[in-house]
Amino acid sequence: TDIINSVKGRFTISRDNGKKMVYLQMNSLQSEDTGVYYCNRAPIL
């Protein structure tokens, strides 16, 4: 995984290849985390 510094230690990304699912566990949420969240391939969209 790679996590940006502003959320490191608070967010955890995981995946389930069998279910074809990607998850983002978000803890200790702050107002600056507000936004619309999307998933896509990375780094090439």
All heavy atoms as atom14 arrays in JSON, in Angstrom:
{
  "sequence": "TDIINSVKGRFTISRDNGKKMVYLQMNSLQSEDTGVYYCNRAPIL",
  "atom14_mask": [
    [1, 1, 1, 1, 1, 1, 1, 0, 0, 0, 0, 0, 0, 0],
    [1, 1, 1, 1, 1, 1, 1, 1, 0, 0, 0, 0, 0, 0],
    [1, 1, 1, 1, 1, 1, 1, 1, 0, 0, 0, 0, 0, 0],
    [1, 1, 1, 1, 1, 1, 1, 1, 0, 0, 0, 0, 0, 0],
    [1, 1, 1, 1, 1, 1, 1, 1, 0, 0, 0, 0, 0, 0],
    [1, 1, 1, 1, 1, 1, 0, 0, 0, 0, 0, 0, 0, 0],
    [1, 1, 1, 1, 1, 1, 1, 0, 0, 0, 0, 0, 0, 0],
    [1, 1, 1, 1, 1, 1, 1, 1, 1, 0, 0, 0, 0, 0],
    [1, 1, 1, 1, 0, 0, 0, 0, 0, 0, 0, 0, 0, 0],
    [1, 1, 1, 1, 1, 1, 1, 1, 1, 1, 1, 0, 0, 0],
    [1, 1, 1, 1, 1, 1, 1, 1, 1, 1, 1, 0, 0, 0],
    [1, 1, 1, 1, 1, 1, 1, 0, 0, 0, 0, 0, 0, 0],
    [1, 1, 1, 1, 1, 1, 1, 1, 0, 0, 0, 0, 0, 0],
    [1, 1, 1, 1, 1, 1, 0, 0, 0, 0, 0, 0, 0, 0],
    [1, 1, 1, 1, 1, 1, 1, 1, 1, 1, 1, 0, 0, 0],
    [1, 1, 1, 1, 1, 1, 1, 1, 0, 0, 0, 0, 0, 0],
    [1, 1, 1, 1, 1, 1, 1, 1, 0, 0, 0, 0, 0, 0],
    [1, 1, 1, 1, 0, 0, 0, 0, 0, 0, 0, 0, 0, 0],
    [1, 1, 1, 1, 1, 1, 1, 1, 1, 0, 0, 0, 0, 0],
    [1, 1, 1, 1, 1, 1, 1, 1, 1, 0, 0, 0, 0, 0],
    [1, 1, 1, 1, 1, 1, 1, 1, 0, 0, 0, 0, 0, 0],
    [1, 1, 1, 1, 1, 1, 1, 0, 0, 0, 0, 0, 0, 0],
    [1, 1, 1, 1, 1, 1, 1, 1, 1, 1, 1, 1, 0, 0],
    [1, 1, 1, 1, 1, 1, 1, 1, 0, 0, 0, 0, 0, 0],
    [1, 1, 1, 1, 1, 1, 1, 1, 1, 0, 0, 0, 0, 0],
    [1, 1, 1, 1, 1, 1, 1, 1, 0, 0, 0, 0, 0, 0],
    [1, 1, 1, 1, 1, 1, 1, 1, 0, 0, 0, 0, 0, 0],
    [1, 1, 1, 1, 1, 1, 0, 0, 0, 0, 0, 0, 0, 0],
    [1, 1, 1, 1, 1, 1, 1, 1, 0, 0, 0, 0, 0, 0],
    [1, 1, 1, 1, 1, 1, 1, 1, 1, 0, 0, 0, 0, 0],
    [1, 1, 1, 1, 1, 1, 0, 0, 0, 0, 0, 0, 0, 0],
    [1, 1, 1, 1, 1, 1, 1, 1, 1, 0, 0, 0, 0, 0],
    [1, 1, 1, 1, 1, 1, 1, 1, 0, 0, 0, 0, 0, 0],
    [1, 1, 1, 1, 1, 1, 1, 0, 0, 0, 0, 0, 0, 0],
    [1, 1, 1, 1, 0, 0, 0, 0, 0, 0, 0, 0, 0, 0],
    [1, 1, 1, 1, 1, 1, 1, 0, 0, 0, 0, 0, 0, 0],
    [1, 1, 1, 1, 1, 1, 1, 1, 1, 1, 1, 1, 0, 0],
    [1, 1, 1, 1, 1, 1, 1, 1, 1, 1, 1, 1, 0, 0],
    [1, 1, 1, 1, 1, 1, 0, 0, 0, 0, 0, 0, 0, 0],
    [1, 1, 1, 1, 1, 1, 1, 1, 0, 0, 0, 0, 0, 0],
    [1, 1, 1, 1, 1, 1, 1, 1, 1, 1, 1, 0, 0, 0],
    [1, 1, 1, 1, 1, 0, 0, 0, 0, 0, 0, 0, 0, 0],
    [1, 1, 1, 1, 1, 1, 1, 0, 0, 0, 0, 0, 0, 0],
    [1, 1, 1, 1, 1, 1, 1, 1, 0, 0, 0, 0, 0, 0],
    [1, 1, 1, 1, 1, 1, 1, 1, 0, 0, 0, 0, 0, 0]
  ],
  "atom14_positions": [
    [[0.82, -1.21, 0.0], [0.0, 0.0, 0.0], [0.85, 1.26, 0.0], [1.99, 1.26, 0.46], [-0.94, 0.04, 1.21], [-0.17, 0.08, 2.41], [-1.86, -1.16, 1.23], [0.0, 0.0, 0.0], [0.0, 0.0, 0.0], [0.0, 0.0, 0.0], [0.0, 0.0, 0.0], [0.0, 0.0, 0.0], [0.0, 0.0, 0.0], [0.0, 0.0, 0.0]],
    [[0.25, 2.32, -0.51], [0.78, 3.66, -0.41], [-0.33, 4.55, 0.1], [-1.44, 4.54, -0.44], [1.3, 4.17, -1.75], [2.62, 3.56, -2.14], [3.58, 3.69, -1.37], [2.7, 2.95, -3.23], [0.0, 0.0, 0.0], [0.0, 0.0, 0.0], [0.0, 0.0, 0.0], [0.0, 0.0, 0.0], [0.0, 0.0, 0.0], [0.0, 0.0, 0.0]],
    [[-0.03, 5.33, 1.14], [-1.0, 6.19, 1.78], [-0.43, 7.59, 1.85], [0.72, 7.77, 2.23], [-1.33, 5.72, 3.21], [-1.6, 4.2, 3.26], [-2.49, 6.5, 3.79], [-2.86, 3.79, 2.57], [0.0, 0.0, 0.0], [0.0, 0.0, 0.0], [0.0, 0.0, 0.0], [0.0, 0.0, 0.0], [0.0, 0.0, 0.0], [0.0, 0.0, 0.0]],
    [[-1.23, 8.6, 1.51], [-0.73, 9.96, 1.59], [-0.56, 10.36, 3.05], [-1.24, 9.85, 3.94], [-1.63, 10.96, 0.85], [-3.03, 11.0, 1.45], [-1.67, 10.63, -0.63], [-3.89, 12.13, 0.89], [0.0, 0.0, 0.0], [0.0, 0.0, 0.0], [0.0, 0.0, 0.0], [0.0, 0.0, 0.0], [0.0, 0.0, 0.0], [0.0, 0.0, 0.0]],
    [[0.35, 11.29, 3.28], [0.71, 11.64, 4.64], [-0.46, 12.17, 5.46], [-0.53, 11.91, 6.67], [1.85, 12.66, 4.64], [3.17, 12.06, 4.22], [3.4, 10.86, 4.37], [4.06, 12.89, 3.71], [0.0, 0.0, 0.0], [0.0, 0.0, 0.0], [0.0, 0.0, 0.0], [0.0, 0.0, 0.0], [0.0, 0.0, 0.0], [0.0, 0.0, 0.0]],
    [[-1.36, 12.89, 4.83], [-2.44, 13.52, 5.58], [-3.42, 12.52, 6.18], [-4.16, 12.87, 7.11], [-3.19, 14.52, 4.7], [-3.77, 13.89, 3.59], [0.0, 0.0, 0.0], [0.0, 0.0, 0.0], [0.0, 0.0, 0.0], [0.0, 0.0, 0.0], [0.0, 0.0, 0.0], [0.0, 0.0, 0.0], [0.0, 0.0, 0.0], [0.0, 0.0, 0.0]],
    [[-3.45, 11.31, 5.67], [-4.35, 10.3, 6.21], [-3.62, 9.09, 6.77], [-4.26, 8.18, 7.31], [-5.39, 9.83, 5.17], [-6.15, 11.02, 4.61], [-4.73, 9.04, 4.04], [0.0, 0.0, 0.0], [0.0, 0.0, 0.0], [0.0, 0.0, 0.0], [0.0, 0.0, 0.0], [0.0, 0.0, 0.0], [0.0, 0.0, 0.0], [0.0, 0.0, 0.0]],
    [[-2.32, 9.09, 6.67], [-1.53, 7.96, 7.16], [-1.76, 7.76, 8.65], [-1.76, 8.71, 9.43], [-0.05, 8.18, 6.86], [0.82, 6.96, 7.08], [2.25, 7.21, 6.56], [2.25, 7.4, 5.05], [3.63, 7.59, 4.51], [0.0, 0.0, 0.0], [0.0, 0.0, 0.0], [0.0, 0.0, 0.0], [0.0, 0.0, 0.0], [0.0, 0.0, 0.0]],
    [[-1.97, 6.53, 9.03], [-2.27, 6.21, 10.41], [-3.74, 6.25, 10.74], [-4.14, 5.78, 11.81], [0.0, 0.0, 0.0], [0.0, 0.0, 0.0], [0.0, 0.0, 0.0], [0.0, 0.0, 0.0], [0.0, 0.0, 0.0], [0.0, 0.0, 0.0], [0.0, 0.0, 0.0], [0.0, 0.0, 0.0], [0.0, 0.0, 0.0], [0.0, 0.0, 0.0]],
    [[-4.55, 6.82, 9.86], [-5.99, 6.9, 10.07], [-6.78, 6.06, 9.06], [-7.83, 5.53, 9.4], [-6.47, 8.35, 9.99], [-5.82, 9.25, 11.02], [-6.45, 10.64, 11.05], [-6.26, 11.36, 9.79], [-7.23, 11.7, 8.95], [-8.49, 11.39, 9.24], [-6.96, 12.37, 7.84], [0.0, 0.0, 0.0], [0.0, 0.0, 0.0], [0.0, 0.0, 0.0]],
    [[-6.29, 5.98, 7.84], [-6.98, 5.25, 6.78], [-6.22, 3.97, 6.47], [-4.99, 3.94, 6.48], [-7.05, 6.07, 5.49], [-7.97, 7.26, 5.53], [-8.52, 7.73, 6.72], [-8.28, 7.91, 4.35], [-9.36, 8.83, 6.74], [-9.12, 9.02, 4.36], [-9.66, 9.47, 5.54], [0.0, 0.0, 0.0], [0.0, 0.0, 0.0], [0.0, 0.0, 0.0]],
    [[-6.96, 2.93, 6.14], [-6.39, 1.67, 5.73], [-7.1, 1.19, 4.46], [-8.32, 1.12, 4.43], [-6.53, 0.59, 6.82], [-5.9, 1.03, 8.02], [-5.89, -0.71, 6.37], [0.0, 0.0, 0.0], [0.0, 0.0, 0.0], [0.0, 0.0, 0.0], [0.0, 0.0, 0.0], [0.0, 0.0, 0.0], [0.0, 0.0, 0.0], [0.0, 0.0, 0.0]],
    [[-6.32, 0.89, 3.44], [-6.88, 0.36, 2.2], [-6.64, -1.14, 2.17], [-5.6, -1.63, 2.61], [-6.27, 1.07, 0.97], [-6.97, 0.63, -0.32], [-4.76, 0.84, 0.89], [-6.57, 1.46, -1.54], [0.0, 0.0, 0.0], [0.0, 0.0, 0.0], [0.0, 0.0, 0.0], [0.0, 0.0, 0.0], [0.0, 0.0, 0.0], [0.0, 0.0, 0.0]],
    [[-7.62, -1.87, 1.68], [-7.52, -3.31, 1.57], [-8.27, -3.78, 0.33], [-9.01, -3.01, -0.29], [-8.04, -4.01, 2.82], [-9.41, -3.71, 3.04], [0.0, 0.0, 0.0], [0.0, 0.0, 0.0], [0.0, 0.0, 0.0], [0.0, 0.0, 0.0], [0.0, 0.0, 0.0], [0.0, 0.0, 0.0], [0.0, 0.0, 0.0], [0.0, 0.0, 0.0]],
    [[-8.07, -5.03, -0.02], [-8.76, -5.56, -1.2], [-9.08, -7.03, -0.99], [-8.42, -7.74, -0.22], [-7.91, -5.37, -2.46], [-6.59, -6.14, -2.46], [-5.68, -5.67, -3.6], [-6.17, -6.08, -4.91], [-5.77, -5.55, -6.06], [-4.87, -4.57, -6.07], [-6.26, -6.0, -7.21], [0.0, 0.0, 0.0], [0.0, 0.0, 0.0], [0.0, 0.0, 0.0]],
    [[-10.1, -7.48, -1.67], [-10.49, -8.87, -1.7], [-10.56, -9.26, -3.16], [-11.52, -8.94, -3.86], [-11.84, -9.07, -1.0], [-12.22, -10.53, -0.86], [-11.88, -11.34, -1.75], [-12.89, -10.87, 0.14], [0.0, 0.0, 0.0], [0.0, 0.0, 0.0], [0.0, 0.0, 0.0], [0.0, 0.0, 0.0], [0.0, 0.0, 0.0], [0.0, 0.0, 0.0]],
    [[-9.53, -9.94, -3.63], [-9.46, -10.26, -5.04], [-10.54, -11.24, -5.47], [-11.02, -11.2, -6.6], [-8.07, -10.81, -5.39], [-6.99, -9.76, -5.29], [-7.25, -8.57, -5.44], [-5.76, -10.19, -5.03], [0.0, 0.0, 0.0], [0.0, 0.0, 0.0], [0.0, 0.0, 0.0], [0.0, 0.0, 0.0], [0.0, 0.0, 0.0], [0.0, 0.0, 0.0]],
    [[-10.93, -12.13, -4.56], [-11.98, -13.08, -4.89], [-13.32, -12.42, -5.1], [-14.09, -12.8, -5.99], [0.0, 0.0, 0.0], [0.0, 0.0, 0.0], [0.0, 0.0, 0.0], [0.0, 0.0, 0.0], [0.0, 0.0, 0.0], [0.0, 0.0, 0.0], [0.0, 0.0, 0.0], [0.0, 0.0, 0.0], [0.0, 0.0, 0.0], [0.0, 0.0, 0.0]],
    [[-13.62, -11.41, -4.28], [-14.87, -10.68, -4.4], [-14.77, -9.49, -5.35], [-15.78, -8.84, -5.63], [-15.34, -10.18, -3.03], [-15.72, -11.29, -2.07], [-16.2, -10.69, -0.75], [-16.65, -11.77, 0.21], [-17.13, -11.19, 1.49], [0.0, 0.0, 0.0], [0.0, 0.0, 0.0], [0.0, 0.0, 0.0], [0.0, 0.0, 0.0], [0.0, 0.0, 0.0]],
    [[-13.56, -9.19, -5.82], [-13.31, -8.02, -6.65], [-13.81, -6.76, -5.96], [-14.57, -5.97, -6.51], [-13.94, -8.19, -8.03], [-13.34, -9.34, -8.83], [-13.89, -9.4, -10.24], [-13.25, -10.52, -11.03], [-13.78, -10.6, -12.41], [0.0, 0.0, 0.0], [0.0, 0.0, 0.0], [0.0, 0.0, 0.0], [0.0, 0.0, 0.0], [0.0, 0.0, 0.0]],
    [[-13.34, -6.59, -4.73], [-13.72, -5.45, -3.92], [-12.47, -4.75, -3.4], [-11.44, -5.39, -3.13], [-14.57, -5.88, -2.73], [-15.88, -6.54, -3.09], [-17.11, -5.34, -3.7], [-17.44, -4.43, -2.2], [0.0, 0.0, 0.0], [0.0, 0.0, 0.0], [0.0, 0.0, 0.0], [0.0, 0.0, 0.0], [0.0, 0.0, 0.0], [0.0, 0.0, 0.0]],
    [[-12.57, -3.45, -3.24], [-11.55, -2.63, -2.61], [-12.22, -1.84, -1.5], [-13.32, -1.31, -1.69], [-10.87, -1.67, -3.61], [-9.7, -0.96, -2.95], [-10.4, -2.42, -4.84], [0.0, 0.0, 0.0], [0.0, 0.0, 0.0], [0.0, 0.0, 0.0], [0.0, 0.0, 0.0], [0.0, 0.0, 0.0], [0.0, 0.0, 0.0], [0.0, 0.0, 0.0]],
    [[-11.56, -1.75, -0.36], [-12.14, -1.09, 0.8], [-11.23, 0.02, 1.29], [-10.02, -0.02, 1.12], [-12.34, -2.09, 1.94], [-13.16, -3.3, 1.56], [-12.54, -4.49, 1.22], [-14.55, -3.24, 1.53], [-13.28, -5.6, 0.86], [-15.29, -4.34, 1.17], [-14.67, -5.52, 0.84], [-15.41, -6.62, 0.48], [0.0, 0.0, 0.0], [0.0, 0.0, 0.0]],
    [[-11.84, 1.0, 1.92], [-11.1, 2.05, 2.6], [-11.7, 2.23, 3.98], [-12.82, 2.73, 4.12], [-11.15, 3.37, 1.82], [-10.27, 4.49, 2.37], [-8.79, 4.14, 2.21], [-10.58, 5.82, 1.68], [0.0, 0.0, 0.0], [0.0, 0.0, 0.0], [0.0, 0.0, 0.0], [0.0, 0.0, 0.0], [0.0, 0.0, 0.0], [0.0, 0.0, 0.0]],
    [[-10.97, 1.8, 4.99], [-11.38, 2.0, 6.38], [-10.85, 3.36, 6.83], [-9.64, 3.6, 6.8], [-10.82, 0.89, 7.26], [-11.08, 1.07, 8.75], [-12.55, 1.08, 9.1], [-13.05, 2.0, 9.74], [-13.27, 0.06, 8.66], [0.0, 0.0, 0.0], [0.0, 0.0, 0.0], [0.0, 0.0, 0.0], [0.0, 0.0, 0.0], [0.0, 0.0, 0.0]],
    [[-11.77, 4.22, 7.23], [-11.45, 5.59, 7.57], [-11.75, 5.81, 9.04], [-12.91, 5.75, 9.45], [-12.26, 6.56, 6.7], [-12.18, 6.25, 5.21], [-13.48, 7.07, 4.24], [-12.94, 8.77, 4.39], [0.0, 0.0, 0.0], [0.0, 0.0, 0.0], [0.0, 0.0, 0.0], [0.0, 0.0, 0.0], [0.0, 0.0, 0.0], [0.0, 0.0, 0.0]],
    [[-10.72, 6.06, 9.82], [-10.86, 6.31, 11.25], [-10.42, 7.73, 11.58], [-9.71, 8.36, 10.81], [-10.03, 5.32, 12.05], [-10.44, 3.88, 11.84], [-11.63, 3.57, 11.73], [-9.47, 2.98, 11.79], [0.0, 0.0, 0.0], [0.0, 0.0, 0.0], [0.0, 0.0, 0.0], [0.0, 0.0, 0.0], [0.0, 0.0, 0.0], [0.0, 0.0, 0.0]],
    [[-10.85, 8.19, 12.73], [-10.48, 9.52, 13.21], [-10.72, 10.58, 12.15], [-9.87, 11.43, 11.87], [-9.02, 9.54, 13.67], [-8.81, 8.61, 14.7], [0.0, 0.0, 0.0], [0.0, 0.0, 0.0], [0.0, 0.0, 0.0], [0.0, 0.0, 0.0], [0.0, 0.0, 0.0], [0.0, 0.0, 0.0], [0.0, 0.0, 0.0], [0.0, 0.0, 0.0]],
    [[-11.89, 10.53, 11.56], [-12.2, 11.43, 10.45], [-12.2, 12.89, 10.89], [-12.63, 13.22, 12.0], [-13.54, 11.06, 9.84], [-13.49, 9.83, 8.93], [-14.89, 9.27, 8.72], [-12.85, 10.19, 7.59], [0.0, 0.0, 0.0], [0.0, 0.0, 0.0], [0.0, 0.0, 0.0], [0.0, 0.0, 0.0], [0.0, 0.0, 0.0], [0.0, 0.0, 0.0]],
    [[-11.72, 13.73, 10.02], [-11.61, 15.16, 10.25], [-12.38, 15.9, 9.17], [-12.66, 15.35, 8.1], [-10.15, 15.59, 10.25], [-9.28, 14.85, 11.24], [-7.8, 15.05, 11.01], [-7.38, 15.85, 10.18], [-6.99, 14.32, 11.75], [0.0, 0.0, 0.0], [0.0, 0.0, 0.0], [0.0, 0.0, 0.0], [0.0, 0.0, 0.0], [0.0, 0.0, 0.0]],
    [[-12.7, 17.16, 9.43], [-13.48, 17.93, 8.47], [-12.79, 18.02, 7.12], [-13.45, 18.04, 6.08], [-13.76, 19.33, 9.02], [-12.56, 20.04, 9.28], [0.0, 0.0, 0.0], [0.0, 0.0, 0.0], [0.0, 0.0, 0.0], [0.0, 0.0, 0.0], [0.0, 0.0, 0.0], [0.0, 0.0, 0.0], [0.0, 0.0, 0.0], [0.0, 0.0, 0.0]],
    [[-11.47, 18.06, 7.11], [-10.74, 18.14, 5.85], [-10.8, 16.86, 5.04], [-10.34, 16.83, 3.89], [-9.28, 18.54, 6.09], [-8.53, 17.62, 7.03], [-8.51, 18.13, 8.45], [-9.51, 18.72, 8.9], [-7.47, 17.94, 9.13], [0.0, 0.0, 0.0], [0.0, 0.0, 0.0], [0.0, 0.0, 0.0], [0.0, 0.0, 0.0], [0.0, 0.0, 0.0]],
    [[-11.35, 15.79, 5.61], [-11.55, 14.56, 4.86], [-12.83, 14.59, 4.05], [-13.09, 13.66, 3.28], [-11.59, 13.36, 5.8], [-10.28, 13.15, 6.54], [-9.22, 13.25, 5.9], [-10.33, 12.87, 7.76], [0.0, 0.0, 0.0], [0.0, 0.0, 0.0], [0.0, 0.0, 0.0], [0.0, 0.0, 0.0], [0.0, 0.0, 0.0], [0.0, 0.0, 0.0]],
    [[-13.63, 15.62, 4.21], [-14.89, 15.73, 3.49], [-14.64, 15.79, 1.98], [-13.75, 16.5, 1.51], [-15.65, 16.98, 3.94], [-16.04, 16.83, 5.31], [-16.89, 17.2, 3.1], [0.0, 0.0, 0.0], [0.0, 0.0, 0.0], [0.0, 0.0, 0.0], [0.0, 0.0, 0.0], [0.0, 0.0, 0.0], [0.0, 0.0, 0.0], [0.0, 0.0, 0.0]],
    [[-15.43, 15.05, 1.24], [-15.33, 15.05, -0.2], [-16.05, 13.87, -0.79], [-16.63, 13.05, -0.08], [0.0, 0.0, 0.0], [0.0, 0.0, 0.0], [0.0, 0.0, 0.0], [0.0, 0.0, 0.0], [0.0, 0.0, 0.0], [0.0, 0.0, 0.0], [0.0, 0.0, 0.0], [0.0, 0.0, 0.0], [0.0, 0.0, 0.0], [0.0, 0.0, 0.0]],
    [[-16.0, 13.79, -2.1], [-16.54, 12.64, -2.81], [-15.39, 11.68, -3.06], [-14.36, 12.07, -3.61], [-17.22, 13.05, -4.12], [-17.78, 11.82, -4.83], [-18.31, 14.07, -3.87], [0.0, 0.0, 0.0], [0.0, 0.0, 0.0], [0.0, 0.0, 0.0], [0.0, 0.0, 0.0], [0.0, 0.0, 0.0], [0.0, 0.0, 0.0], [0.0, 0.0, 0.0]],
    [[-15.58, 10.45, -2.67], [-14.54, 9.43, -2.78], [-14.84, 8.5, -3.94], [-15.97, 8.02, -4.09], [-14.42, 8.65, -1.48], [-13.72, 9.41, -0.38], [-14.33, 10.51, 0.21], [-12.46, 9.04, 0.06], [-13.69, 11.23, 1.21], [-11.81, 9.75, 1.05], [-12.42, 10.84, 1.62], [-11.79, 11.55, 2.61], [0.0, 0.0, 0.0], [0.0, 0.0, 0.0]],
    [[-13.82, 8.24, -4.73], [-13.94, 7.41, -5.91], [-12.87, 6.33, -5.87], [-11.8, 6.52, -5.29], [-13.72, 8.21, -7.2], [-14.62, 9.39, -7.4], [-14.31, 10.63, -6.85], [-15.78, 9.28, -8.16], [-15.12, 11.73, -7.05], [-16.6, 10.37, -8.37], [-16.26, 11.6, -7.81], [-17.08, 12.68, -8.03], [0.0, 0.0, 0.0], [0.0, 0.0, 0.0]],
    [[-13.14, 5.23, -6.54], [-12.09, 4.25, -6.77], [-11.79, 4.15, -8.26], [-12.63, 4.44, -9.11], [-12.45, 2.87, -6.19], [-13.93, 2.11, -6.87], [0.0, 0.0, 0.0], [0.0, 0.0, 0.0], [0.0, 0.0, 0.0], [0.0, 0.0, 0.0], [0.0, 0.0, 0.0], [0.0, 0.0, 0.0], [0.0, 0.0, 0.0], [0.0, 0.0, 0.0]],
    [[-10.57, 3.78, -8.55], [-10.11, 3.63, -9.92], [-8.77, 2.91, -9.86], [-8.23, 2.67, -8.78], [-9.97, 4.99, -10.61], [-10.16, 4.92, -12.11], [-9.61, 4.04, -12.79], [-10.91, 5.87, -12.67], [0.0, 0.0, 0.0], [0.0, 0.0, 0.0], [0.0, 0.0, 0.0], [0.0, 0.0, 0.0], [0.0, 0.0, 0.0], [0.0, 0.0, 0.0]],
    [[-8.24, 2.58, -11.0], [-6.88, 2.06, -11.05], [-5.89, 3.15, -10.67], [-6.17, 4.34, -10.8], [-6.55, 1.52, -12.43], [-7.3, 0.24, -12.79], [-6.68, -0.41, -14.02], [-7.3, -1.69, -14.32], [-8.16, -1.89, -15.31], [-8.49, -0.9, -16.12], [-8.67, -3.09, -15.51], [0.0, 0.0, 0.0], [0.0, 0.0, 0.0], [0.0, 0.0, 0.0]],
    [[-4.75, 2.73, -10.19], [-3.69, 3.65, -9.82], [-2.35, 3.04, -10.19], [-2.18, 1.82, -10.08], [-3.75, 3.94, -8.32], [0.0, 0.0, 0.0], [0.0, 0.0, 0.0], [0.0, 0.0, 0.0], [0.0, 0.0, 0.0], [0.0, 0.0, 0.0], [0.0, 0.0, 0.0], [0.0, 0.0, 0.0], [0.0, 0.0, 0.0], [0.0, 0.0, 0.0]],
    [[-1.4, 3.86, -10.6], [-1.51, 5.3, -10.84], [-2.07, 5.68, -12.19], [-2.36, 6.86, -12.41], [-0.04, 5.74, -10.74], [0.72, 4.58, -11.29], [-0.03, 3.35, -10.81], [0.0, 0.0, 0.0], [0.0, 0.0, 0.0], [0.0, 0.0, 0.0], [0.0, 0.0, 0.0], [0.0, 0.0, 0.0], [0.0, 0.0, 0.0], [0.0, 0.0, 0.0]],
    [[-2.21, 4.71, -13.08], [-2.77, 4.99, -14.39], [-4.27, 4.77, -14.33], [-4.75, 3.65, -14.12], [-2.14, 4.11, -15.48], [-0.61, 4.28, -15.47], [-2.71, 4.46, -16.84], [-0.14, 5.69, -15.68], [0.0, 0.0, 0.0], [0.0, 0.0, 0.0], [0.0, 0.0, 0.0], [0.0, 0.0, 0.0], [0.0, 0.0, 0.0], [0.0, 0.0, 0.0]],
    [[-5.03, 5.83, -14.53], [-6.47, 5.79, -14.41], [-7.14, 5.18, -15.63], [-6.6, 5.22, -16.73], [-7.03, 7.21, -14.25], [-6.55, 8.04, -13.07], [-7.02, 9.48, -13.26], [-7.09, 7.46, -11.78], [0.0, 0.0, 0.0], [0.0, 0.0, 0.0], [0.0, 0.0, 0.0], [0.0, 0.0, 0.0], [0.0, 0.0, 0.0], [0.0, 0.0, 0.0]]
  ]
}
